[in-house]
Amino acid sequence: MKRFVLAIALTLPFIGFSQDNGVPEMTYVGLDQRTTLVTAWAYYEGHLIPANYLIVEGDSSSILMDTPWNDEQTEEIIAWSKKHLDVPISIAVITHAHVDRMGGIATLHKNGIRTYIHEDAQTMNAKEDGYEPAQNVFSSYPYRFDLGGVEINVIDPGTGHAPGNLILTI
């Protein structure tokens, strides 16, 4: 009986958790033919926290709303998009300047993905938090991305959860 309990205890870390950091694996759920919900986890201030991201695929471009917690998770999303989408991610909009929204921004740039952010969020993240700045700052709102068959509107509702907080609508 002790061997059975030990075998169960030793296999539990491998069930639904990444082996290196005790964080659940990222999940990908198709919400419709063009939209995928991605959930990534990380420890933040001692608590295991989920964060959600959306990928919207158009006929000519795909867009990622925010980047996960870190470069490794961001690499995974990029690899997933290349494998599962007809049009991999080429654009990312950062909705505000927190680690769960822009922790992997350098990886986006390394992979040639254009990044956009609100001016206030760009200023807030600055280099003090250690995040690479986005490549583009929105100049006016609403801003529209034509992905080919899908239009994404970026709206600035004013400061909310964080300075430069943005909303995307389809």
N, C-alpha and C. Protein backbone atom coordinates (compact mmCIF):
# COMPACT_ATOMS: atom_id res chain seq x y z
N MET A 1 0.82 -1.20 0.00
CA MET A 1 0.00 0.00 0.00
C MET A 1 0.86 1.26 0.00
N LYS A 2 1.97 1.24 0.77
CA LYS A 2 2.85 2.40 0.82
C LYS A 2 3.44 2.69 -0.55
N ARG A 3 3.76 1.64 -1.32
CA ARG A 3 4.32 1.84 -2.66
C ARG A 3 3.29 2.50 -3.57
N PHE A 4 2.02 2.09 -3.44
CA PHE A 4 0.96 2.68 -4.26
C PHE A 4 0.81 4.17 -3.95
N VAL A 5 0.78 4.52 -2.67
CA VAL A 5 0.65 5.92 -2.26
C VAL A 5 1.85 6.72 -2.75
N LEU A 6 3.05 6.16 -2.63
CA LEU A 6 4.26 6.83 -3.09
C LEU A 6 4.21 7.03 -4.61
N ALA A 7 3.76 6.03 -5.35
CA ALA A 7 3.66 6.15 -6.81
C ALA A 7 2.68 7.25 -7.19
N ILE A 8 1.55 7.33 -6.51
CA ILE A 8 0.58 8.39 -6.78
C ILE A 8 1.18 9.75 -6.45
N ALA A 9 1.82 9.86 -5.30
CA ALA A 9 2.42 11.13 -4.89
C ALA A 9 3.49 11.59 -5.87
N LEU A 10 4.26 10.67 -6.42
CA LEU A 10 5.31 11.04 -7.36
C LEU A 10 4.78 11.43 -8.73
N THR A 11 3.62 10.91 -9.12
CA THR A 11 3.08 11.25 -10.44
C THR A 11 2.22 12.50 -10.42
N LEU A 12 1.71 12.91 -9.28
CA LEU A 12 0.85 14.10 -9.22
C LEU A 12 1.48 15.35 -9.82
N PRO A 13 2.75 15.62 -9.59
CA PRO A 13 3.32 16.84 -10.17
C PRO A 13 3.30 16.86 -11.70
N PHE A 14 3.14 15.70 -12.33
CA PHE A 14 3.16 15.65 -13.78
C PHE A 14 1.77 15.78 -14.40
N ILE A 15 0.74 15.76 -13.59
CA ILE A 15 -0.62 15.80 -14.10
C ILE A 15 -1.07 17.25 -14.19
N GLY A 16 -1.07 17.81 -15.41
CA GLY A 16 -1.58 19.16 -15.63
C GLY A 16 -0.67 20.28 -15.15
N PHE A 17 0.53 19.97 -14.74
CA PHE A 17 1.45 21.01 -14.30
C PHE A 17 2.74 20.90 -15.08
N SER A 18 3.35 22.03 -15.36
CA SER A 18 4.65 21.98 -16.02
C SER A 18 5.66 21.49 -14.99
N GLN A 19 6.62 20.75 -15.44
CA GLN A 19 7.55 20.11 -14.53
C GLN A 19 8.52 21.08 -13.88
N ASP A 20 8.81 22.20 -14.52
CA ASP A 20 9.88 23.04 -14.03
C ASP A 20 9.48 24.05 -12.96
N ASN A 21 8.24 24.47 -12.91
CA ASN A 21 7.91 25.52 -11.95
C ASN A 21 6.59 25.32 -11.20
N GLY A 22 5.96 24.16 -11.32
CA GLY A 22 4.74 23.89 -10.58
C GLY A 22 3.54 24.70 -11.02
N VAL A 23 3.57 25.22 -12.23
CA VAL A 23 2.49 26.04 -12.76
C VAL A 23 1.67 25.19 -13.74
N PRO A 24 0.34 25.25 -13.69
CA PRO A 24 -0.46 24.49 -14.66
C PRO A 24 -0.08 24.85 -16.10
N GLU A 25 -0.24 23.89 -16.98
CA GLU A 25 0.03 24.14 -18.39
C GLU A 25 -0.98 25.13 -18.94
N MET A 26 -0.57 25.86 -19.96
CA MET A 26 -1.47 26.81 -20.61
C MET A 26 -2.58 26.04 -21.32
N THR A 27 -3.75 26.64 -21.38
CA THR A 27 -4.87 26.02 -22.07
C THR A 27 -5.32 26.90 -23.23
N TYR A 28 -5.88 26.25 -24.25
CA TYR A 28 -6.35 26.92 -25.46
C TYR A 28 -7.77 26.44 -25.72
N VAL A 29 -8.72 27.36 -25.72
CA VAL A 29 -10.13 27.00 -25.92
C VAL A 29 -10.68 27.84 -27.07
N GLY A 30 -11.17 27.17 -28.11
CA GLY A 30 -11.79 27.88 -29.23
C GLY A 30 -13.14 28.42 -28.81
N LEU A 31 -13.31 29.73 -28.89
CA LEU A 31 -14.60 30.34 -28.55
C LEU A 31 -15.51 30.39 -29.76
N ASP A 32 -14.93 30.54 -30.93
CA ASP A 32 -15.63 30.46 -32.21
C ASP A 32 -14.57 30.13 -33.26
N GLN A 33 -14.93 30.20 -34.54
CA GLN A 33 -13.99 29.80 -35.59
C GLN A 33 -12.75 30.69 -35.65
N ARG A 34 -12.83 31.90 -35.13
CA ARG A 34 -11.73 32.84 -35.25
C ARG A 34 -11.10 33.26 -33.92
N THR A 35 -11.69 32.88 -32.81
CA THR A 35 -11.25 33.39 -31.51
C THR A 35 -10.86 32.26 -30.58
N THR A 36 -9.66 32.39 -30.01
CA THR A 36 -9.15 31.40 -29.05
C THR A 36 -8.85 32.09 -27.73
N LEU A 37 -9.34 31.49 -26.65
CA LEU A 37 -9.05 31.96 -25.30
C LEU A 37 -7.87 31.14 -24.77
N VAL A 38 -6.84 31.84 -24.35
CA VAL A 38 -5.66 31.20 -23.78
C VAL A 38 -5.59 31.57 -22.30
N THR A 39 -5.33 30.60 -21.45
CA THR A 39 -5.14 30.87 -20.02
C THR A 39 -3.73 30.42 -19.64
N ALA A 40 -3.01 31.34 -19.01
CA ALA A 40 -1.65 31.06 -18.52
C ALA A 40 -1.61 31.37 -17.03
N TRP A 41 -0.79 30.64 -16.32
CA TRP A 41 -0.69 30.76 -14.87
C TRP A 41 0.71 31.20 -14.46
N ALA A 42 0.79 31.86 -13.32
CA ALA A 42 2.09 32.21 -12.74
C ALA A 42 1.91 32.46 -11.26
N TYR A 43 3.00 32.31 -10.53
CA TYR A 43 2.99 32.71 -9.13
C TYR A 43 3.28 34.20 -9.06
N TYR A 44 2.42 34.92 -8.38
CA TYR A 44 2.59 36.36 -8.20
C TYR A 44 2.36 36.67 -6.72
N GLU A 45 3.37 37.24 -6.10
CA GLU A 45 3.32 37.56 -4.67
C GLU A 45 2.86 36.36 -3.85
N GLY A 46 3.38 35.18 -4.22
CA GLY A 46 3.12 33.96 -3.47
C GLY A 46 1.82 33.24 -3.80
N HIS A 47 1.05 33.77 -4.74
CA HIS A 47 -0.23 33.15 -5.09
C HIS A 47 -0.21 32.71 -6.55
N LEU A 48 -0.79 31.54 -6.82
CA LEU A 48 -0.92 31.05 -8.18
C LEU A 48 -2.11 31.77 -8.83
N ILE A 49 -1.84 32.54 -9.88
CA ILE A 49 -2.84 33.41 -10.50
C ILE A 49 -3.00 33.05 -11.98
N PRO A 50 -4.26 32.93 -12.47
CA PRO A 50 -4.47 32.74 -13.90
C PRO A 50 -4.62 34.10 -14.59
N ALA A 51 -4.30 34.14 -15.86
CA ALA A 51 -4.55 35.32 -16.68
C ALA A 51 -5.02 34.83 -18.05
N ASN A 52 -5.97 35.55 -18.63
CA ASN A 52 -6.55 35.16 -19.91
C ASN A 52 -6.10 36.09 -21.03
N TYR A 53 -5.97 35.50 -22.21
CA TYR A 53 -5.54 36.22 -23.42
C TYR A 53 -6.43 35.76 -24.56
N LEU A 54 -6.63 36.64 -25.53
CA LEU A 54 -7.40 36.27 -26.71
C LEU A 54 -6.52 36.36 -27.95
N ILE A 55 -6.73 35.39 -28.85
CA ILE A 55 -6.14 35.43 -30.18
C ILE A 55 -7.32 35.48 -31.15
N VAL A 56 -7.31 36.47 -32.03
CA VAL A 56 -8.35 36.57 -33.06
C VAL A 56 -7.66 36.43 -34.40
N GLU A 57 -8.13 35.46 -35.19
CA GLU A 57 -7.54 35.19 -36.50
C GLU A 57 -8.38 35.80 -37.59
N GLY A 58 -7.74 36.59 -38.43
CA GLY A 58 -8.38 37.13 -39.62
C GLY A 58 -7.88 36.38 -40.84
N ASP A 59 -8.29 36.85 -42.01
CA ASP A 59 -7.84 36.22 -43.25
C ASP A 59 -6.43 36.65 -43.63
N SER A 60 -6.00 37.83 -43.15
CA SER A 60 -4.68 38.34 -43.52
C SER A 60 -3.75 38.56 -42.34
N SER A 61 -4.28 38.68 -41.13
CA SER A 61 -3.49 38.89 -39.92
C SER A 61 -4.21 38.25 -38.74
N SER A 62 -3.43 37.94 -37.71
CA SER A 62 -4.02 37.50 -36.43
C SER A 62 -3.46 38.41 -35.36
N ILE A 63 -4.29 38.65 -34.32
CA ILE A 63 -3.91 39.57 -33.27
C ILE A 63 -3.96 38.87 -31.92
N LEU A 64 -3.01 39.19 -31.07
CA LEU A 64 -2.97 38.69 -29.70
C LEU A 64 -3.27 39.85 -28.77
N MET A 65 -4.23 39.64 -27.89
CA MET A 65 -4.53 40.65 -26.89
C MET A 65 -3.70 40.34 -25.66
N ASP A 66 -2.64 41.12 -25.46
CA ASP A 66 -1.71 41.01 -24.35
C ASP A 66 -0.75 39.83 -24.53
N THR A 67 0.31 39.87 -23.77
CA THR A 67 1.30 38.80 -23.78
C THR A 67 1.28 38.13 -22.41
N PRO A 68 1.53 36.85 -22.34
CA PRO A 68 1.53 36.20 -21.03
C PRO A 68 2.60 36.72 -20.07
N TRP A 69 2.66 36.05 -18.94
CA TRP A 69 3.50 36.44 -17.82
C TRP A 69 4.98 36.51 -18.14
N ASN A 70 5.45 35.68 -19.07
CA ASN A 70 6.90 35.60 -19.29
C ASN A 70 7.21 35.19 -20.73
N ASP A 71 8.50 35.20 -21.04
CA ASP A 71 8.95 34.88 -22.40
C ASP A 71 8.64 33.44 -22.79
N GLU A 72 8.80 32.51 -21.87
CA GLU A 72 8.55 31.09 -22.18
C GLU A 72 7.09 30.88 -22.59
N GLN A 73 6.15 31.44 -21.84
CA GLN A 73 4.73 31.30 -22.18
C GLN A 73 4.41 32.00 -23.50
N THR A 74 5.05 33.13 -23.73
CA THR A 74 4.82 33.86 -24.98
C THR A 74 5.34 33.06 -26.17
N GLU A 75 6.51 32.44 -26.02
CA GLU A 75 7.03 31.55 -27.08
C GLU A 75 6.05 30.43 -27.36
N GLU A 76 5.44 29.88 -26.30
CA GLU A 76 4.47 28.80 -26.50
C GLU A 76 3.27 29.27 -27.31
N ILE A 77 2.75 30.45 -27.01
CA ILE A 77 1.60 30.97 -27.77
C ILE A 77 1.98 31.17 -29.23
N ILE A 78 3.15 31.71 -29.48
CA ILE A 78 3.59 31.95 -30.85
C ILE A 78 3.71 30.62 -31.60
N ALA A 79 4.33 29.62 -30.97
CA ALA A 79 4.46 28.30 -31.59
C ALA A 79 3.09 27.69 -31.84
N TRP A 80 2.16 27.84 -30.87
CA TRP A 80 0.80 27.31 -31.03
C TRP A 80 0.14 27.97 -32.24
N SER A 81 0.29 29.29 -32.36
CA SER A 81 -0.37 30.00 -33.47
C SER A 81 0.17 29.55 -34.82
N LYS A 82 1.47 29.28 -34.89
CA LYS A 82 2.06 28.81 -36.15
C LYS A 82 1.57 27.42 -36.52
N LYS A 83 1.28 26.63 -35.52
CA LYS A 83 0.83 25.25 -35.76
C LYS A 83 -0.67 25.17 -36.04
N HIS A 84 -1.47 25.99 -35.35
CA HIS A 84 -2.92 25.82 -35.38
C HIS A 84 -3.70 26.88 -36.17
N LEU A 85 -3.07 27.97 -36.51
CA LEU A 85 -3.78 29.02 -37.25
C LEU A 85 -3.31 29.06 -38.69
N ASP A 86 -4.21 29.39 -39.60
CA ASP A 86 -3.81 29.58 -40.99
C ASP A 86 -2.95 30.84 -41.12
N VAL A 87 -3.23 31.84 -40.26
CA VAL A 87 -2.50 33.10 -40.27
C VAL A 87 -1.95 33.33 -38.86
N PRO A 88 -0.67 33.03 -38.63
CA PRO A 88 -0.10 33.19 -37.28
C PRO A 88 -0.16 34.65 -36.80
N ILE A 89 0.06 34.83 -35.52
CA ILE A 89 0.01 36.15 -34.88
C ILE A 89 1.05 37.09 -35.50
N SER A 90 0.60 38.29 -35.88
CA SER A 90 1.52 39.30 -36.41
C SER A 90 1.41 40.63 -35.68
N ILE A 91 0.35 40.76 -34.84
CA ILE A 91 0.07 42.00 -34.11
C ILE A 91 -0.28 41.64 -32.67
N ALA A 92 0.17 42.47 -31.72
CA ALA A 92 -0.25 42.32 -30.32
C ALA A 92 -0.60 43.70 -29.77
N VAL A 93 -1.71 43.75 -29.06
CA VAL A 93 -2.11 44.98 -28.38
C VAL A 93 -1.97 44.73 -26.88
N ILE A 94 -1.23 45.60 -26.22
CA ILE A 94 -1.04 45.51 -24.78
C ILE A 94 -2.10 46.42 -24.14
N THR A 95 -2.98 45.83 -23.33
CA THR A 95 -4.10 46.61 -22.79
C THR A 95 -3.75 47.46 -21.58
N HIS A 96 -2.69 47.09 -20.86
CA HIS A 96 -2.19 47.93 -19.77
C HIS A 96 -0.85 47.38 -19.29
N ALA A 97 -0.16 48.14 -18.46
CA ALA A 97 1.22 47.83 -18.11
C ALA A 97 1.33 47.07 -16.79
N HIS A 98 1.02 45.78 -16.85
CA HIS A 98 1.25 44.89 -15.72
C HIS A 98 1.95 43.64 -16.24
N VAL A 99 2.60 42.90 -15.36
CA VAL A 99 3.38 41.73 -15.77
C VAL A 99 2.53 40.68 -16.49
N ASP A 100 1.27 40.52 -16.13
CA ASP A 100 0.42 39.52 -16.78
C ASP A 100 -0.09 40.00 -18.14
N ARG A 101 0.27 41.18 -18.55
CA ARG A 101 -0.13 41.73 -19.84
C ARG A 101 1.05 41.94 -20.77
N MET A 102 2.25 42.11 -20.20
CA MET A 102 3.39 42.42 -21.07
C MET A 102 4.68 41.74 -20.65
N GLY A 103 4.58 40.66 -19.89
CA GLY A 103 5.77 39.96 -19.43
C GLY A 103 6.61 39.35 -20.54
N GLY A 104 6.02 39.11 -21.70
CA GLY A 104 6.75 38.50 -22.81
C GLY A 104 6.88 39.40 -24.02
N ILE A 105 6.82 40.71 -23.81
CA ILE A 105 6.85 41.64 -24.96
C ILE A 105 8.14 41.53 -25.76
N ALA A 106 9.27 41.31 -25.10
CA ALA A 106 10.55 41.17 -25.82
C ALA A 106 10.51 39.97 -26.77
N THR A 107 9.83 38.91 -26.37
CA THR A 107 9.69 37.72 -27.21
C THR A 107 8.84 38.02 -28.44
N LEU A 108 7.80 38.83 -28.27
CA LEU A 108 7.00 39.23 -29.43
C LEU A 108 7.89 39.94 -30.44
N HIS A 109 8.68 40.89 -29.96
CA HIS A 109 9.56 41.65 -30.86
C HIS A 109 10.58 40.73 -31.53
N LYS A 110 11.14 39.83 -30.77
CA LYS A 110 12.13 38.88 -31.30
C LYS A 110 11.54 38.05 -32.44
N ASN A 111 10.22 37.82 -32.38
CA ASN A 111 9.53 37.02 -33.39
C ASN A 111 8.87 37.87 -34.47
N GLY A 112 9.17 39.16 -34.51
CA GLY A 112 8.66 40.02 -35.57
C GLY A 112 7.20 40.41 -35.42
N ILE A 113 6.65 40.30 -34.22
CA ILE A 113 5.25 40.66 -33.98
C ILE A 113 5.19 42.12 -33.55
N ARG A 114 4.42 42.91 -34.28
CA ARG A 114 4.28 44.34 -33.99
C ARG A 114 3.47 44.54 -32.72
N THR A 115 3.92 45.43 -31.85
CA THR A 115 3.23 45.68 -30.58
C THR A 115 2.72 47.11 -30.51
N TYR A 116 1.56 47.25 -29.87
CA TYR A 116 0.87 48.53 -29.72
C TYR A 116 0.44 48.70 -28.27
N ILE A 117 0.44 49.97 -27.81
CA ILE A 117 0.09 50.25 -26.42
C ILE A 117 -0.42 51.69 -26.30
N HIS A 118 -1.13 51.98 -25.25
CA HIS A 118 -1.57 53.34 -24.92
C HIS A 118 -0.36 54.13 -24.40
N GLU A 119 -0.31 55.39 -24.71
CA GLU A 119 0.82 56.24 -24.28
C GLU A 119 1.03 56.21 -22.77
N ASP A 120 -0.06 56.27 -21.99
CA ASP A 120 0.08 56.26 -20.53
C ASP A 120 0.64 54.92 -20.01
N ALA A 121 0.24 53.83 -20.65
CA ALA A 121 0.77 52.52 -20.25
C ALA A 121 2.24 52.40 -20.65
N GLN A 122 2.58 52.95 -21.80
CA GLN A 122 3.97 52.93 -22.24
C GLN A 122 4.85 53.69 -21.23
N THR A 123 4.36 54.84 -20.79
CA THR A 123 5.10 55.65 -19.81
C THR A 123 5.18 54.93 -18.48
N MET A 124 4.07 54.32 -18.05
CA MET A 124 4.04 53.63 -16.77
C MET A 124 5.01 52.47 -16.73
N ASN A 125 5.04 51.67 -17.80
CA ASN A 125 5.90 50.48 -17.79
C ASN A 125 7.35 50.88 -17.87
N ALA A 126 7.61 51.97 -18.57
CA ALA A 126 8.97 52.46 -18.79
C ALA A 126 9.98 51.36 -18.57
N LYS A 127 11.18 51.68 -18.31
CA LYS A 127 12.17 50.65 -18.08
C LYS A 127 12.28 50.31 -16.62
N GLU A 128 11.56 51.07 -15.76
CA GLU A 128 11.65 50.81 -14.32
C GLU A 128 11.12 49.42 -13.95
N ASP A 129 10.16 48.90 -14.70
CA ASP A 129 9.63 47.57 -14.43
C ASP A 129 10.37 46.49 -15.21
N GLY A 130 11.30 46.91 -16.05
CA GLY A 130 12.10 45.95 -16.80
C GLY A 130 11.46 45.42 -18.06
N TYR A 131 10.37 46.02 -18.52
CA TYR A 131 9.73 45.56 -19.75
C TYR A 131 10.22 46.39 -20.92
N GLU A 132 10.41 45.70 -22.00
CA GLU A 132 10.74 46.40 -23.23
C GLU A 132 9.52 47.22 -23.64
N PRO A 133 9.71 48.44 -24.11
CA PRO A 133 8.54 49.22 -24.53
C PRO A 133 7.91 48.64 -25.79
N ALA A 134 6.63 48.92 -25.97
CA ALA A 134 5.96 48.52 -27.21
C ALA A 134 6.54 49.35 -28.35
N GLN A 135 6.41 48.84 -29.56
CA GLN A 135 6.96 49.52 -30.73
C GLN A 135 6.10 50.69 -31.17
N ASN A 136 4.80 50.60 -30.92
CA ASN A 136 3.87 51.62 -31.40
C ASN A 136 2.98 52.12 -30.27
N VAL A 137 2.73 53.42 -30.27
CA VAL A 137 1.81 54.03 -29.32
C VAL A 137 0.63 54.54 -30.12
N PHE A 138 -0.57 54.20 -29.68
CA PHE A 138 -1.76 54.67 -30.40
C PHE A 138 -1.83 56.19 -30.37
N SER A 139 -2.20 56.77 -31.52
CA SER A 139 -2.28 58.23 -31.61
C SER A 139 -3.70 58.74 -31.48
N SER A 140 -4.67 57.89 -31.72
CA SER A 140 -6.07 58.31 -31.60
C SER A 140 -6.95 57.08 -31.36
N TYR A 141 -8.16 57.35 -30.89
CA TYR A 141 -9.12 56.28 -30.61
C TYR A 141 -10.47 56.68 -31.16
N PRO A 142 -11.31 55.74 -31.56
CA PRO A 142 -10.98 54.32 -31.66
C PRO A 142 -9.97 54.09 -32.78
N TYR A 143 -9.17 53.06 -32.59
CA TYR A 143 -8.19 52.65 -33.58
C TYR A 143 -8.69 51.32 -34.14
N ARG A 144 -8.58 51.16 -35.45
CA ARG A 144 -9.11 49.95 -36.08
C ARG A 144 -8.00 49.13 -36.73
N PHE A 145 -8.06 47.82 -36.50
CA PHE A 145 -7.20 46.88 -37.20
C PHE A 145 -8.09 46.06 -38.12
N ASP A 146 -7.79 46.04 -39.41
CA ASP A 146 -8.49 45.20 -40.36
C ASP A 146 -7.66 43.94 -40.54
N LEU A 147 -8.17 42.83 -40.00
CA LEU A 147 -7.44 41.56 -40.06
C LEU A 147 -7.81 40.76 -41.30
N GLY A 148 -8.66 41.31 -42.13
CA GLY A 148 -9.17 40.57 -43.28
C GLY A 148 -10.33 39.71 -42.84
N GLY A 149 -11.54 40.19 -43.05
CA GLY A 149 -12.73 39.46 -42.62
C GLY A 149 -13.12 39.72 -41.18
N VAL A 150 -12.25 40.36 -40.42
CA VAL A 150 -12.52 40.70 -39.02
C VAL A 150 -11.93 42.08 -38.75
N GLU A 151 -12.71 42.92 -38.09
CA GLU A 151 -12.21 44.23 -37.69
C GLU A 151 -12.14 44.29 -36.17
N ILE A 152 -11.00 44.72 -35.65
CA ILE A 152 -10.80 44.90 -34.22
C ILE A 152 -10.76 46.39 -33.93
N ASN A 153 -11.54 46.83 -32.97
CA ASN A 153 -11.54 48.23 -32.56
C ASN A 153 -10.87 48.35 -31.19
N VAL A 154 -9.94 49.27 -31.08
CA VAL A 154 -9.26 49.54 -29.81
C VAL A 154 -9.85 50.82 -29.26
N ILE A 155 -10.36 50.73 -28.04
CA ILE A 155 -11.06 51.86 -27.40
C ILE A 155 -10.33 52.26 -26.13
N ASP A 156 -10.24 53.56 -25.91
CA ASP A 156 -9.67 54.10 -24.67
C ASP A 156 -10.83 54.61 -23.82
N PRO A 157 -11.27 53.82 -22.82
CA PRO A 157 -12.39 54.26 -21.98
C PRO A 157 -11.95 55.19 -20.85
N GLY A 158 -10.67 55.47 -20.77
CA GLY A 158 -10.14 56.27 -19.67
C GLY A 158 -9.52 55.35 -18.64
N THR A 159 -8.78 55.96 -17.73
CA THR A 159 -8.09 55.17 -16.71
C THR A 159 -9.08 54.36 -15.90
N GLY A 160 -8.75 53.10 -15.72
CA GLY A 160 -9.59 52.19 -14.94
C GLY A 160 -8.70 51.37 -14.06
N HIS A 161 -8.52 50.14 -14.43
CA HIS A 161 -7.68 49.21 -13.68
C HIS A 161 -6.23 49.70 -13.57
N ALA A 162 -5.79 50.38 -14.62
CA ALA A 162 -4.42 50.91 -14.66
C ALA A 162 -4.40 52.09 -15.64
N PRO A 163 -3.42 52.96 -15.53
CA PRO A 163 -3.30 54.05 -16.52
C PRO A 163 -3.12 53.47 -17.91
N GLY A 164 -3.78 54.08 -18.88
CA GLY A 164 -3.66 53.61 -20.25
C GLY A 164 -4.38 52.30 -20.50
N ASN A 165 -5.42 52.02 -19.73
CA ASN A 165 -6.20 50.80 -19.87
C ASN A 165 -6.99 50.83 -21.19
N LEU A 166 -6.87 49.80 -22.01
CA LEU A 166 -7.56 49.74 -23.29
C LEU A 166 -8.55 48.58 -23.34
N ILE A 167 -9.53 48.71 -24.21
CA ILE A 167 -10.51 47.66 -24.47
C ILE A 167 -10.50 47.37 -25.95
N LEU A 168 -10.58 46.09 -26.32
CA LEU A 168 -10.67 45.69 -27.71
C LEU A 168 -12.05 45.09 -27.97
N THR A 169 -12.66 45.48 -29.08
CA THR A 169 -13.96 44.91 -29.45
C THR A 169 -13.86 44.36 -30.88
N ILE A 170 -14.69 43.40 -31.13
CA ILE A 170 -14.76 42.81 -32.47
C ILE A 170 -16.01 43.30 -33.14
